Amino acid sequence: MYVDYLTLACLRDQLDRLLGARVQQVLQPDPLSVGLELYAGGRFQLLLSAHPQYARVLLVPHKLRRGVEKETPLLLLLRKWVRGARLADITQPQWERVLSFHFEGRVGACCLVAEVMGRYSNVILIGPDGCVLDALKRVGPEVNRYRVTLPGRPYQPPPLPVARRPPTALTPTEWSALLASAAPDDSLAQLLTGRLLGVSPQVAREVALRATGSAATPARAANPLAVAAAIDELLAPLESKAVWRPHVALDEHGAVIAFAPYEPRQFQRIEATPHICEAMWRYFEQQLSADPYAAARQQVEELIDRARARLQRTLEQLQAQAVDEAQVEALREAGELLLAYQAQVPRGATSIALPDYTGRPRQIALDPLLTPVENAQEYFRRYHKAARAREEVATRVAQLTPDLAYLDQLAADLALAETRPEIDEVYEALLAAGWAPQQARPRSKQTGGPRRFEYEGFTIYVGRNARQNELITFEYASPADLWLHVRGLPGAHVLIKSGGRPVPEAVVQKAAALAAYYSPARGESRVGVDVTERRYVRRGDRPGLVSYRNERTVWVPAAVSGGSDHH
């Protein structure tokens, strides 16, 4: 599970008691987190993590320790701006999984923003001018051209989904219309998650249970007034003096399987906690300590982060060198105009206005020591030099783009790795690409082949890493087999062996759910998965990277159900 909007709202209220606290220490426990030691009549340890699976903000019950060998640019900036500063305010944009910590210090006011949004999570330091000072994850235009997160660029908050509405703004008539608009097979929980702001899958199931008695009730069968009342009950602490009621949910062995700022009746065994931080801490401590390969995983994760940081720096340097195409063409046009109108150019002039190709006058700078023809030749020389530079930069950027995509795929492979051999296979891929040092580390057995599922008479193969993706796509597949991949993210290649038969939509849905589950979108309620025939898939520049066409997109929850795994 992930930290949702209601949990962060509850956390924000709990952290209000720290307003005015002074930041005693700043550190990085690992490459994807920031730790602050706050003093407010006692010492408090605040952790902000941008881990793709375990993103969180909470007070931890132990002293945080430094876990990053080299001081990062972000850490140096945090020491300058945040260490010694006072915590002035904590804000949360409505319906967003974002907390902003506002500090006032000797250098000036700044803001540390924790975006707790699954694989898109980030921790960003913003200066008094609203521009990014630095971030745990720098995001360039090649990754997200609409929301660049780079030093010196204005901070852009996450956009709210335009198709979703605030759950508190609906009238009874609008609730009735919303439920009636659901597809016949849509559950109430699916509808609420997909159409309302701030409603996570867990909250949606809780609303469905409280309103209808079942978390799986079809949307069209629900009573609109009961649904609205259940929503109001859960959101009451946002609008009134209602008290938060943090709980954890336990399995039959007593292990924590979920947390919530309310009483989660959808679980059979629950336990109240004094604060939401304690509930979150118990869950995340268990999740992280349950990984027997955490140390090995973190070592490989650090190699991926370092390689990505190097590539990002190179990309930023290239983009800084890039010459605008209009500027390049302006040099060529200046040379052509000088040749066309050379008889009108006086000797010794430092500039001249000549009509351009649209008839408008254009001012052209001249070297008074050169003739009109020599000035034109100089412009052509500069044009050819700039054009070559632009092409070289474009070529280098084109080379780096698949490398960044490959690193994203390896990061997904690592996050989904379940065994030590799977982790070591990611290390071997980094080593082969030149992104990891040769180390005397024991070689684990190879992870074997892709997972194989049987469903309604069809065989489905799932690749769990880049090597297996390459195997099923280019060795197991026939041209007419169906190939699936989660849209816009790294993850598993999934293959349906059709044997020349039409593939029923139920089989496609099953394979799409597998593709979503074996990707960074695991756990999300609605994931787009592209489907095309294998004949339309082409190899990319790195193992497991492909391009494809003629696809259609199906939408599924990222969970596996049905079928037998014969891996």
Protein backbone atom coordinates (compact mmCIF):
# COMPACT_ATOMS: atom_id res chain seq x y z
CA MET A 1 0.00 0.00 0.00
CA TYR A 2 1.03 3.65 -0.29
CA VAL A 3 0.59 6.81 1.76
CA ASP A 4 -2.63 8.46 0.60
CA TYR A 5 -4.08 11.96 0.91
CA LEU A 6 -6.02 11.30 4.13
CA THR A 7 -2.97 9.78 5.82
CA LEU A 8 -0.89 12.85 4.98
CA ALA A 9 -3.64 15.16 6.24
CA CYS A 10 -3.66 13.28 9.55
CA LEU A 11 0.13 13.40 9.66
CA ARG A 12 0.14 17.13 8.99
CA ASP A 13 -2.14 17.67 11.99
CA GLN A 14 0.14 15.54 14.17
CA LEU A 15 3.25 17.45 13.04
CA ASP A 16 1.70 20.83 13.86
CA ARG A 17 3.11 20.45 17.38
CA LEU A 18 6.59 20.83 15.86
CA LEU A 19 5.95 24.30 14.46
CA GLY A 20 8.70 26.59 15.68
CA ALA A 21 11.16 23.68 16.03
CA ARG A 22 14.78 24.33 15.11
CA VAL A 23 16.56 22.02 12.66
CA GLN A 24 19.59 20.63 14.49
CA GLN A 25 20.90 18.29 11.81
CA VAL A 26 20.34 17.38 8.14
CA LEU A 27 21.47 14.12 6.58
CA GLN A 28 20.69 11.51 3.92
CA PRO A 29 20.04 8.04 5.37
CA ASP A 30 20.07 6.68 1.80
CA PRO A 31 20.15 8.13 -1.74
CA LEU A 32 16.34 8.46 -1.87
CA SER A 33 15.63 10.04 1.51
CA VAL A 34 16.31 13.11 3.64
CA GLY A 35 16.43 13.14 7.42
CA LEU A 36 15.93 16.16 9.70
CA GLU A 37 16.62 16.27 13.43
CA LEU A 38 14.23 18.82 14.96
CA TYR A 39 14.38 20.28 18.46
CA ALA A 40 11.10 21.39 20.07
CA GLY A 41 11.51 20.75 23.79
CA GLY A 42 12.91 17.38 22.76
CA ARG A 43 14.56 15.80 19.72
CA PHE A 44 12.40 14.50 16.85
CA GLN A 45 13.62 12.56 13.81
CA LEU A 46 11.71 13.40 10.62
CA LEU A 47 12.21 11.15 7.60
CA LEU A 48 11.19 12.14 4.05
CA SER A 49 11.60 9.30 1.55
CA ALA A 50 11.08 9.25 -2.23
CA HIS A 51 11.46 5.49 -2.56
CA PRO A 52 9.34 4.24 -5.51
CA GLN A 53 7.70 1.49 -3.40
CA TYR A 54 8.06 2.86 0.15
CA ALA A 55 7.72 6.64 -0.23
CA ARG A 56 6.74 8.15 3.11
CA VAL A 57 6.98 11.07 5.52
CA LEU A 58 6.94 10.28 9.24
CA LEU A 59 8.61 10.75 12.60
CA VAL A 60 10.79 7.72 13.37
CA PRO A 61 11.52 6.51 16.93
CA HIS A 62 15.30 6.24 16.51
CA LYS A 63 18.14 8.57 15.61
CA LEU A 64 18.69 8.75 11.86
CA ARG A 65 22.15 7.83 10.56
CA ARG A 66 24.00 8.99 7.48
CA GLY A 67 23.94 6.36 4.74
CA VAL A 68 25.35 8.24 1.73
CA GLU A 69 29.15 8.16 1.40
CA LYS A 70 29.60 11.35 -0.64
CA GLU A 71 27.91 14.63 0.12
CA THR A 72 25.35 15.31 -2.60
CA PRO A 73 24.57 18.80 -3.99
CA LEU A 74 21.12 18.59 -2.38
CA LEU A 75 22.61 17.74 1.03
CA LEU A 76 25.00 20.71 0.84
CA LEU A 77 22.11 23.02 -0.04
CA LEU A 78 19.98 21.62 2.79
CA ARG A 79 22.78 22.36 5.23
CA LYS A 80 22.97 25.91 3.93
CA TRP A 81 19.25 26.68 3.87
CA VAL A 82 17.60 24.33 6.39
CA ARG A 83 20.11 23.49 9.11
CA GLY A 84 19.65 25.96 11.94
CA ALA A 85 16.36 27.22 10.48
CA ARG A 86 13.00 27.14 12.24
CA LEU A 87 9.99 25.21 10.97
CA ALA A 88 7.47 27.99 10.30
CA ASP A 89 4.59 26.07 8.70
CA ILE A 90 3.47 22.77 7.19
CA THR A 91 0.97 22.91 4.34
CA GLN A 92 -0.78 20.40 2.13
CA PRO A 93 -2.39 21.25 -1.22
CA GLN A 94 -5.99 20.09 -1.21
CA TRP A 95 -6.45 16.53 -2.50
CA GLU A 96 -2.71 16.10 -3.13
CA ARG A 97 -0.24 13.61 -1.65
CA VAL A 98 2.18 16.46 -0.95
CA LEU A 99 3.48 18.04 2.25
CA SER A 100 5.41 21.33 2.15
CA PHE A 101 7.69 22.18 5.09
CA HIS A 102 8.34 25.95 5.26
CA PHE A 103 11.54 27.07 6.99
CA GLU A 104 12.92 30.46 8.01
CA GLY A 105 16.66 30.66 8.53
CA ARG A 106 19.66 32.95 8.39
CA VAL A 107 19.97 32.57 4.58
CA GLY A 108 16.28 33.22 3.99
CA ALA A 109 12.95 31.46 3.66
CA CYS A 110 12.81 28.13 1.83
CA CYS A 111 10.45 25.21 1.40
CA LEU A 112 11.13 21.48 1.44
CA VAL A 113 8.40 19.70 -0.54
CA ALA A 114 7.75 15.99 -0.08
CA GLU A 115 5.76 14.57 -3.00
CA VAL A 116 4.64 11.14 -1.77
CA MET A 117 3.32 9.74 -5.04
CA GLY A 118 4.61 6.21 -5.55
CA ARG A 119 7.09 5.95 -8.40
CA TYR A 120 6.80 9.71 -9.01
CA SER A 121 7.80 10.56 -5.43
CA ASN A 122 10.38 13.28 -4.87
CA VAL A 123 11.82 15.60 -2.23
CA ILE A 124 12.43 19.10 -3.60
CA LEU A 125 14.11 22.13 -2.03
CA ILE A 126 12.62 25.43 -3.23
CA GLY A 127 14.17 28.86 -2.74
CA PRO A 128 12.42 32.12 -1.79
CA ASP A 129 11.92 32.98 -5.48
CA GLY A 130 9.87 29.81 -6.06
CA CYS A 131 12.61 28.15 -8.11
CA VAL A 132 14.03 24.70 -7.48
CA LEU A 133 17.34 24.69 -5.64
CA ASP A 134 17.73 20.92 -6.04
CA ALA A 135 15.85 17.65 -5.66
CA LEU A 136 16.46 14.03 -4.78
CA LYS A 137 15.34 13.17 -8.32
CA ARG A 138 16.14 15.67 -11.02
CA VAL A 139 13.58 15.46 -13.82
CA GLY A 140 14.59 16.93 -17.17
CA PRO A 141 12.40 17.77 -20.18
CA GLU A 142 13.34 14.49 -21.83
CA VAL A 143 11.49 12.71 -18.98
CA ASN A 144 8.61 15.16 -18.39
CA ARG A 145 8.51 18.23 -20.62
CA TYR A 146 5.44 19.58 -18.80
CA ARG A 147 6.94 19.44 -15.31
CA VAL A 148 10.70 19.92 -15.28
CA THR A 149 12.35 19.63 -11.85
CA LEU A 150 15.86 21.04 -12.24
CA PRO A 151 17.90 23.62 -10.31
CA GLY A 152 16.99 27.15 -11.37
CA ARG A 153 13.64 26.18 -12.89
CA PRO A 154 10.34 27.37 -11.35
CA TYR A 155 8.71 24.73 -9.19
CA GLN A 156 5.58 23.30 -10.80
CA PRO A 157 3.16 21.56 -8.41
CA PRO A 158 1.74 18.20 -9.52
CA PRO A 159 -1.33 18.78 -11.70
CA LEU A 160 -4.69 17.56 -10.46
CA PRO A 161 -6.42 15.05 -12.77
CA VAL A 162 -8.91 17.12 -14.77
CA ALA A 163 -11.51 14.35 -14.98
CA ARG A 164 -11.82 13.91 -11.20
CA ARG A 165 -14.00 15.91 -8.81
CA PRO A 166 -13.65 16.78 -5.11
CA PRO A 167 -15.68 14.24 -3.09
CA THR A 168 -17.05 17.02 -0.88
CA ALA A 169 -18.49 19.04 -3.77
CA LEU A 170 -21.16 16.63 -5.06
CA THR A 171 -24.86 17.22 -4.47
CA PRO A 172 -27.24 14.26 -3.96
CA THR A 173 -28.32 14.60 -7.59
CA GLU A 174 -24.69 14.53 -8.74
CA TRP A 175 -24.00 11.46 -6.60
CA SER A 176 -26.92 9.70 -8.30
CA ALA A 177 -25.62 10.68 -11.74
CA LEU A 178 -22.10 9.54 -10.87
CA LEU A 179 -23.22 6.07 -9.80
CA ALA A 180 -25.52 5.75 -12.82
CA SER A 181 -22.63 6.60 -15.17
CA ALA A 182 -20.64 3.53 -14.10
CA ALA A 183 -20.19 0.61 -16.46
CA PRO A 184 -22.29 -2.44 -15.52
CA ASP A 185 -19.26 -4.38 -14.22
CA ASP A 186 -17.60 -1.47 -12.38
CA SER A 187 -17.42 -1.84 -8.62
CA LEU A 188 -18.24 1.13 -6.41
CA ALA A 189 -14.62 1.20 -5.19
CA GLN A 190 -13.27 1.35 -8.75
CA LEU A 191 -15.65 4.17 -9.66
CA LEU A 192 -14.74 6.26 -6.60
CA THR A 193 -11.00 5.83 -7.15
CA GLY A 194 -11.20 6.74 -10.82
CA ARG A 195 -13.61 9.69 -10.57
CA LEU A 196 -12.90 11.46 -7.27
CA LEU A 197 -9.92 13.43 -5.98
CA GLY A 198 -8.09 12.28 -2.87
CA VAL A 199 -9.77 8.85 -2.77
CA SER A 200 -7.23 6.03 -2.70
CA PRO A 201 -8.15 2.39 -3.43
CA GLN A 202 -8.16 1.63 0.32
CA VAL A 203 -10.39 4.60 1.11
CA ALA A 204 -12.70 3.65 -1.75
CA ARG A 205 -13.07 0.09 -0.43
CA GLU A 206 -13.77 1.48 3.03
CA VAL A 207 -16.48 3.77 1.66
CA ALA A 208 -18.04 0.88 -0.27
CA LEU A 209 -18.06 -1.34 2.83
CA ARG A 210 -19.58 1.33 5.07
CA ALA A 211 -22.19 2.34 2.50
CA THR A 212 -23.26 -1.10 1.27
CA GLY A 213 -21.87 -3.74 3.62
CA SER A 214 -19.42 -5.04 1.01
CA ALA A 215 -16.20 -3.64 -0.46
CA ALA A 216 -17.03 -5.29 -3.80
CA THR A 217 -20.54 -3.90 -4.37
CA PRO A 218 -21.27 -2.84 -7.99
CA ALA A 219 -21.47 0.93 -8.35
CA ARG A 220 -24.97 0.91 -9.82
CA ALA A 221 -26.30 -1.08 -6.84
CA ALA A 222 -25.19 1.47 -4.25
CA ASN A 223 -27.44 4.02 -2.55
CA PRO A 224 -26.16 7.53 -3.40
CA LEU A 225 -27.08 8.99 0.00
CA ALA A 226 -25.34 6.13 1.84
CA VAL A 227 -22.20 6.61 -0.26
CA ALA A 228 -22.17 10.36 0.41
CA ALA A 229 -22.63 9.74 4.15
CA ALA A 230 -19.73 7.26 4.23
CA ILE A 231 -17.48 9.74 2.40
CA ASP A 232 -18.46 12.52 4.81
CA GLU A 233 -17.72 10.27 7.79
CA LEU A 234 -14.18 9.48 6.63
CA LEU A 235 -13.42 13.08 5.59
CA ALA A 236 -14.91 14.69 8.71
CA PRO A 237 -11.51 15.47 10.35
CA LEU A 238 -10.62 17.60 7.31
CA GLU A 239 -13.51 20.01 7.79
CA SER A 240 -14.39 19.93 11.48
CA LYS A 241 -13.08 19.15 14.94
CA ALA A 242 -13.62 15.43 14.39
CA VAL A 243 -10.77 13.35 15.77
CA TRP A 244 -8.47 11.21 13.66
CA ARG A 245 -8.46 7.54 14.69
CA PRO A 246 -5.19 5.95 13.47
CA HIS A 247 -5.17 2.16 13.18
CA VAL A 248 -3.10 -0.68 11.81
CA ALA A 249 -4.53 -3.82 10.22
CA LEU A 250 -3.02 -7.20 11.10
CA ASP A 251 -2.99 -10.59 9.42
CA GLU A 252 -3.61 -13.89 11.21
CA HIS A 253 0.02 -13.97 12.38
CA GLY A 254 -0.06 -10.46 13.83
CA ALA A 255 1.94 -8.88 11.02
CA VAL A 256 0.96 -5.33 10.03
CA ILE A 257 -0.55 -5.34 6.54
CA ALA A 258 -2.02 -1.81 6.36
CA PHE A 259 -2.43 1.49 8.19
CA ALA A 260 -5.12 4.18 8.13
CA PRO A 261 -6.05 7.42 9.92
CA TYR A 262 -9.53 5.93 10.56
CA GLU A 263 -10.90 2.59 11.75
CA PRO A 264 -10.45 0.34 8.65
CA ARG A 265 -13.43 -1.99 8.94
CA GLN A 266 -12.54 -3.75 5.69
CA PHE A 267 -9.91 -5.75 7.62
CA GLN A 268 -10.85 -8.51 10.08
CA ARG A 269 -8.21 -7.67 12.68
CA ILE A 270 -7.35 -4.06 13.53
CA GLU A 271 -5.57 -2.25 16.33
CA ALA A 272 -5.70 1.42 17.36
CA THR A 273 -2.45 3.42 17.64
CA PRO A 274 -1.82 6.71 19.48
CA HIS A 275 -0.53 8.52 16.40
CA ILE A 276 -0.46 7.98 12.65
CA CYS A 277 3.37 8.02 12.70
CA GLU A 278 3.38 4.94 14.94
CA ALA A 279 0.98 3.14 12.58
CA MET A 280 3.11 4.03 9.55
CA TRP A 281 6.34 3.15 11.32
CA ARG A 282 5.09 -0.32 12.28
CA TYR A 283 4.05 -1.00 8.68
CA PHE A 284 7.16 0.30 6.93
CA GLU A 285 9.61 -1.15 9.46
CA GLN A 286 8.07 -4.56 8.84
CA GLN A 287 8.08 -4.16 5.05
CA LEU A 288 11.70 -3.04 4.91
CA SER A 289 13.04 -5.50 7.47
CA ALA A 290 11.17 -8.34 5.77
CA ASP A 291 13.49 -8.03 2.77
CA PRO A 292 16.39 -10.47 3.41
CA TYR A 293 18.32 -8.92 0.53
CA ALA A 294 17.91 -5.28 1.57
CA ALA A 295 21.67 -4.61 1.78
CA ALA A 296 22.41 -6.14 -1.62
CA ARG A 297 19.43 -4.36 -3.14
CA GLN A 298 20.55 -1.00 -1.75
CA GLN A 299 24.08 -1.42 -3.16
CA VAL A 300 22.72 -2.02 -6.65
CA GLU A 301 20.18 0.79 -6.22
CA GLU A 302 23.02 3.21 -5.42
CA LEU A 303 24.86 2.15 -8.60
CA ILE A 304 21.73 2.86 -10.63
CA ASP A 305 21.30 6.26 -8.96
CA ARG A 306 24.93 7.20 -9.61
CA ALA A 307 24.73 6.16 -13.26
CA ARG A 308 21.49 8.09 -13.71
CA ALA A 309 23.00 11.18 -12.05
CA ARG A 310 26.02 11.04 -14.40
CA LEU A 311 23.82 10.71 -17.45
CA GLN A 312 21.54 13.53 -16.26
CA ARG A 313 24.55 15.83 -15.73
CA THR A 314 25.85 15.05 -19.21
CA LEU A 315 22.40 15.65 -20.66
CA GLU A 316 22.08 19.00 -18.89
CA GLN A 317 25.51 20.05 -20.17
CA LEU A 318 24.55 19.09 -23.72
CA GLN A 319 21.26 20.96 -23.49
CA ALA A 320 23.14 24.04 -22.27
CA GLN A 321 25.35 23.82 -25.39
CA ALA A 322 22.42 23.35 -27.74
CA VAL A 323 21.95 26.11 -30.31
CA ASP A 324 18.41 27.11 -31.14
CA GLU A 325 17.44 26.12 -34.68
CA ALA A 326 16.09 29.62 -35.35
CA GLN A 327 19.47 31.12 -34.42
CA VAL A 328 21.26 28.72 -36.75
CA GLU A 329 18.95 29.55 -39.64
CA ALA A 330 19.33 33.27 -38.92
CA LEU A 331 23.08 32.96 -39.62
CA ARG A 332 22.41 31.27 -42.97
CA GLU A 333 19.79 33.86 -43.92
CA ALA A 334 22.14 36.72 -43.03
CA GLY A 335 24.79 35.32 -45.37
CA GLU A 336 22.28 34.87 -48.19
CA LEU A 337 20.88 38.40 -47.78
CA LEU A 338 24.37 39.93 -47.84
CA LEU A 339 25.17 38.10 -51.09
CA ALA A 340 21.83 39.06 -52.65
CA TYR A 341 22.16 42.77 -51.70
CA GLN A 342 25.98 43.10 -51.74
CA ALA A 343 25.82 46.06 -54.11
CA GLN A 344 23.79 48.00 -51.51
CA VAL A 345 26.22 47.34 -48.65
CA PRO A 346 28.65 50.26 -48.15
CA ARG A 347 32.29 49.49 -47.35
CA GLY A 348 33.22 50.03 -43.68
CA ALA A 349 29.65 49.78 -42.37
CA THR A 350 29.14 48.14 -38.95
CA SER A 351 25.54 47.11 -39.69
CA ILE A 352 22.87 47.35 -42.35
CA ALA A 353 19.10 46.84 -42.58
CA LEU A 354 18.11 44.55 -45.47
CA PRO A 355 14.66 43.17 -46.37
CA ASP A 356 14.31 39.53 -45.34
CA TYR A 357 12.31 36.86 -47.19
CA THR A 358 9.04 38.24 -45.83
CA GLY A 359 9.86 41.80 -46.87
CA ARG A 360 10.45 43.07 -43.34
CA PRO A 361 13.72 44.92 -42.65
CA ARG A 362 16.35 42.91 -40.80
CA GLN A 363 19.35 44.46 -39.06
CA ILE A 364 22.59 42.56 -39.82
CA ALA A 365 25.82 43.22 -37.93
CA LEU A 366 28.94 43.64 -40.11
CA ASP A 367 32.72 43.59 -39.67
CA PRO A 368 33.80 46.98 -41.14
CA LEU A 369 37.19 45.52 -42.15
CA LEU A 370 35.59 42.94 -44.45
CA THR A 371 33.91 43.30 -47.83
CA PRO A 372 30.19 42.44 -48.19
CA VAL A 373 31.12 39.06 -49.72
CA GLU A 374 33.63 38.34 -46.96
CA ASN A 375 30.99 39.24 -44.34
CA ALA A 376 28.59 36.82 -46.05
CA GLN A 377 31.25 34.09 -46.03
CA GLU A 378 31.86 34.70 -42.34
CA TYR A 379 28.14 34.23 -41.65
CA PHE A 380 28.16 30.99 -43.66
CA ARG A 381 31.20 29.78 -41.70
CA ARG A 382 29.42 30.46 -38.41
CA TYR A 383 26.26 28.84 -39.79
CA HIS A 384 28.05 25.61 -40.72
CA LYS A 385 29.84 25.50 -37.35
CA ALA A 386 26.59 26.04 -35.44
CA ALA A 387 24.74 23.48 -37.60
CA ARG A 388 27.44 20.87 -36.94
CA ALA A 389 27.32 21.63 -33.21
CA ARG A 390 23.53 21.30 -33.20
CA GLU A 391 23.71 17.95 -34.99
CA GLU A 392 26.41 16.67 -32.61
CA VAL A 393 24.36 17.66 -29.56
CA ALA A 394 21.24 16.06 -31.05
CA THR A 395 23.21 12.86 -31.74
CA ARG A 396 24.59 12.71 -28.20
CA VAL A 397 21.16 13.39 -26.69
CA ALA A 398 19.71 10.62 -28.87
CA GLN A 399 22.40 8.28 -27.54
CA LEU A 400 21.71 9.17 -23.91
CA THR A 401 17.92 8.83 -24.08
CA PRO A 402 17.86 5.01 -24.44
CA ASP A 403 20.52 4.74 -21.73
CA LEU A 404 18.23 6.58 -19.31
CA ALA A 405 15.31 4.37 -20.36
CA TYR A 406 17.48 1.28 -19.77
CA LEU A 407 18.38 2.51 -16.28
CA ASP A 408 14.67 2.99 -15.58
CA GLN A 409 14.08 -0.61 -16.69
CA LEU A 410 16.90 -1.89 -14.47
CA ALA A 411 15.50 0.12 -11.54
CA ALA A 412 12.12 -1.55 -12.13
CA ASP A 413 13.83 -4.96 -12.36
CA LEU A 414 15.55 -4.32 -9.03
CA ALA A 415 12.39 -3.11 -7.28
CA LEU A 416 10.51 -6.24 -8.41
CA ALA A 417 13.39 -8.68 -7.76
CA GLU A 418 12.33 -11.35 -5.28
CA THR A 419 15.55 -13.37 -4.97
CA ARG A 420 19.28 -12.72 -4.66
CA PRO A 421 19.96 -14.09 -8.18
CA GLU A 422 17.47 -11.58 -9.60
CA ILE A 423 19.26 -8.74 -7.78
CA ASP A 424 22.65 -9.99 -9.00
CA GLU A 425 21.33 -10.14 -12.55
CA VAL A 426 20.61 -6.39 -12.38
CA TYR A 427 24.18 -5.85 -11.16
CA GLU A 428 25.53 -7.91 -14.09
CA ALA A 429 23.50 -5.79 -16.51
CA LEU A 430 24.97 -2.60 -14.97
CA LEU A 431 28.44 -4.11 -15.23
CA ALA A 432 27.94 -5.05 -18.89
CA ALA A 433 26.79 -1.49 -19.65
CA GLY A 434 29.87 0.00 -17.96
CA TRP A 435 27.90 1.51 -15.05
CA ALA A 436 29.26 -0.69 -12.26
CA PRO A 437 32.81 -1.49 -11.10
CA GLN A 438 34.10 -5.03 -11.42
CA GLN A 439 33.88 -6.52 -7.95
CA ALA A 440 34.84 -9.84 -6.46
CA ARG A 441 31.29 -10.75 -5.56
CA PRO A 442 29.92 -14.29 -5.61
CA ARG A 443 27.97 -15.21 -8.70
CA SER A 444 24.45 -16.35 -7.97
CA LYS A 445 22.71 -18.86 -10.13
CA GLN A 446 20.90 -17.36 -13.08
CA THR A 447 17.26 -16.55 -12.38
CA GLY A 448 16.00 -18.94 -15.02
CA GLY A 449 13.37 -18.22 -17.60
CA PRO A 450 10.26 -16.05 -17.66
CA ARG A 451 7.22 -16.93 -15.63
CA ARG A 452 4.65 -19.03 -17.44
CA PHE A 453 0.90 -18.92 -16.77
CA GLU A 454 -1.93 -21.00 -18.23
CA TYR A 455 -5.27 -19.25 -18.60
CA GLU A 456 -8.34 -20.50 -20.47
CA GLY A 457 -6.20 -22.70 -22.70
CA PHE A 458 -3.63 -20.00 -23.55
CA THR A 459 -0.01 -19.79 -22.40
CA ILE A 460 1.15 -16.40 -21.08
CA TYR A 461 4.83 -15.61 -20.57
CA VAL A 462 5.99 -12.78 -18.27
CA GLY A 463 9.52 -11.39 -18.36
CA ARG A 464 10.74 -10.25 -14.93
CA ASN A 465 13.83 -8.38 -16.08
CA ALA A 466 15.50 -6.99 -19.20
CA ARG A 467 17.10 -10.32 -20.17
CA GLN A 468 13.85 -12.23 -19.85
CA ASN A 469 11.99 -9.49 -21.73
CA GLU A 470 14.44 -9.91 -24.60
CA LEU A 471 13.97 -13.68 -24.48
CA ILE A 472 10.18 -13.82 -24.67
CA THR A 473 9.85 -11.02 -27.23
CA PHE A 474 12.49 -12.13 -29.70
CA GLU A 475 12.84 -15.89 -29.13
CA TYR A 476 9.58 -17.26 -27.72
CA ALA A 477 7.19 -15.18 -29.81
CA SER A 478 5.69 -15.77 -33.23
CA PRO A 479 4.68 -12.76 -35.37
CA ALA A 480 0.95 -13.16 -34.68
CA ASP A 481 1.28 -13.63 -30.89
CA LEU A 482 -0.03 -10.79 -28.72
CA TRP A 483 2.58 -8.67 -26.92
CA LEU A 484 1.74 -6.44 -23.93
CA HIS A 485 3.56 -3.77 -21.93
CA VAL A 486 2.44 -1.20 -19.36
CA ARG A 487 2.07 2.16 -21.09
CA GLY A 488 4.76 4.78 -20.52
CA LEU A 489 6.69 2.86 -17.83
CA PRO A 490 9.43 0.24 -17.63
CA GLY A 491 8.35 -3.25 -16.68
CA ALA A 492 7.58 -6.73 -17.90
CA HIS A 493 7.09 -7.77 -21.50
CA VAL A 494 4.11 -10.13 -21.55
CA LEU A 495 3.39 -12.56 -24.36
CA ILE A 496 0.19 -14.45 -25.17
CA LYS A 497 0.93 -17.48 -27.35
CA SER A 498 -2.07 -17.48 -29.64
CA GLY A 499 -1.21 -20.44 -31.89
CA GLY A 500 -3.07 -18.63 -34.66
CA ARG A 501 -6.32 -18.52 -32.64
CA PRO A 502 -8.33 -15.41 -31.78
CA VAL A 503 -7.50 -14.38 -28.21
CA PRO A 504 -10.58 -13.78 -26.00
CA GLU A 505 -10.73 -10.42 -24.26
CA ALA A 506 -10.71 -12.15 -20.85
CA VAL A 507 -7.26 -13.57 -21.67
CA VAL A 508 -6.04 -10.15 -22.80
CA GLN A 509 -7.30 -8.65 -19.54
CA LYS A 510 -5.50 -11.34 -17.52
CA ALA A 511 -2.24 -10.76 -19.38
CA ALA A 512 -2.63 -6.97 -19.03
CA ALA A 513 -3.09 -7.35 -15.26
CA LEU A 514 0.13 -9.36 -15.14
CA ALA A 515 1.96 -6.66 -17.13
CA ALA A 516 0.71 -4.02 -14.69
CA TYR A 517 1.59 -6.11 -11.64
CA TYR A 518 5.16 -6.72 -12.84
CA SER A 519 5.85 -3.01 -13.26
CA PRO A 520 6.36 0.08 -11.08
CA ALA A 521 2.56 0.56 -11.27
CA ARG A 522 2.01 -2.44 -8.98
CA GLY A 523 -0.75 -1.70 -6.48
CA GLU A 524 -2.45 1.07 -8.46
CA SER A 525 -6.14 0.80 -9.14
CA ARG A 526 -6.11 1.59 -12.86
CA VAL A 527 -3.18 1.06 -15.24
CA GLY A 528 -2.98 1.44 -19.01
CA VAL A 529 -1.41 -1.51 -20.83
CA ASP A 530 -0.60 -1.47 -24.55
CA VAL A 531 -1.44 -4.54 -26.65
CA THR A 532 -0.14 -5.24 -30.15
CA GLU A 533 0.97 -8.17 -32.28
CA ARG A 534 4.59 -9.22 -31.88
CA ARG A 535 5.23 -8.42 -35.55
CA TYR A 536 4.95 -4.70 -34.70
CA VAL A 537 7.64 -4.76 -31.98
CA ARG A 538 11.22 -3.72 -32.84
CA ARG A 539 14.45 -4.02 -30.85
CA GLY A 540 15.84 -0.93 -29.14
CA ASP A 541 19.40 0.12 -28.37
CA ARG A 542 19.66 -1.77 -25.09
CA PRO A 543 18.56 -5.28 -24.00
CA GLY A 544 14.84 -5.39 -23.37
CA LEU A 545 14.17 -1.94 -24.85
CA VAL A 546 11.77 -1.87 -27.79
CA SER A 547 9.62 0.35 -29.94
CA TYR A 548 6.20 -0.71 -31.15
CA ARG A 549 3.18 0.47 -33.16
CA ASN A 550 -0.41 -0.44 -34.03
CA GLU A 551 -1.21 -0.83 -30.33
CA ARG A 552 -4.44 -0.46 -28.43
CA THR A 553 -4.63 0.32 -24.71
CA VAL A 554 -6.60 -1.65 -22.12
CA TRP A 555 -7.12 -0.47 -18.54
CA VAL A 556 -6.77 -2.90 -15.66
CA PRO A 557 -5.98 -2.94 -11.92
CA ALA A 558 -2.35 -3.88 -11.19
CA ALA A 559 -3.14 -7.13 -9.41
CA VAL A 560 -2.86 -10.78 -10.41
CA SER A 561 -5.86 -13.06 -10.18
CA GLY A 562 -6.72 -16.41 -11.70
CA GLY A 563 -4.53 -18.70 -13.75
CA SER A 564 -1.80 -21.09 -12.68
CA ASP A 565 1.84 -20.16 -12.52
CA HIS A 566 4.05 -22.93 -13.95
CA HIS A 567 7.38 -21.10 -13.83
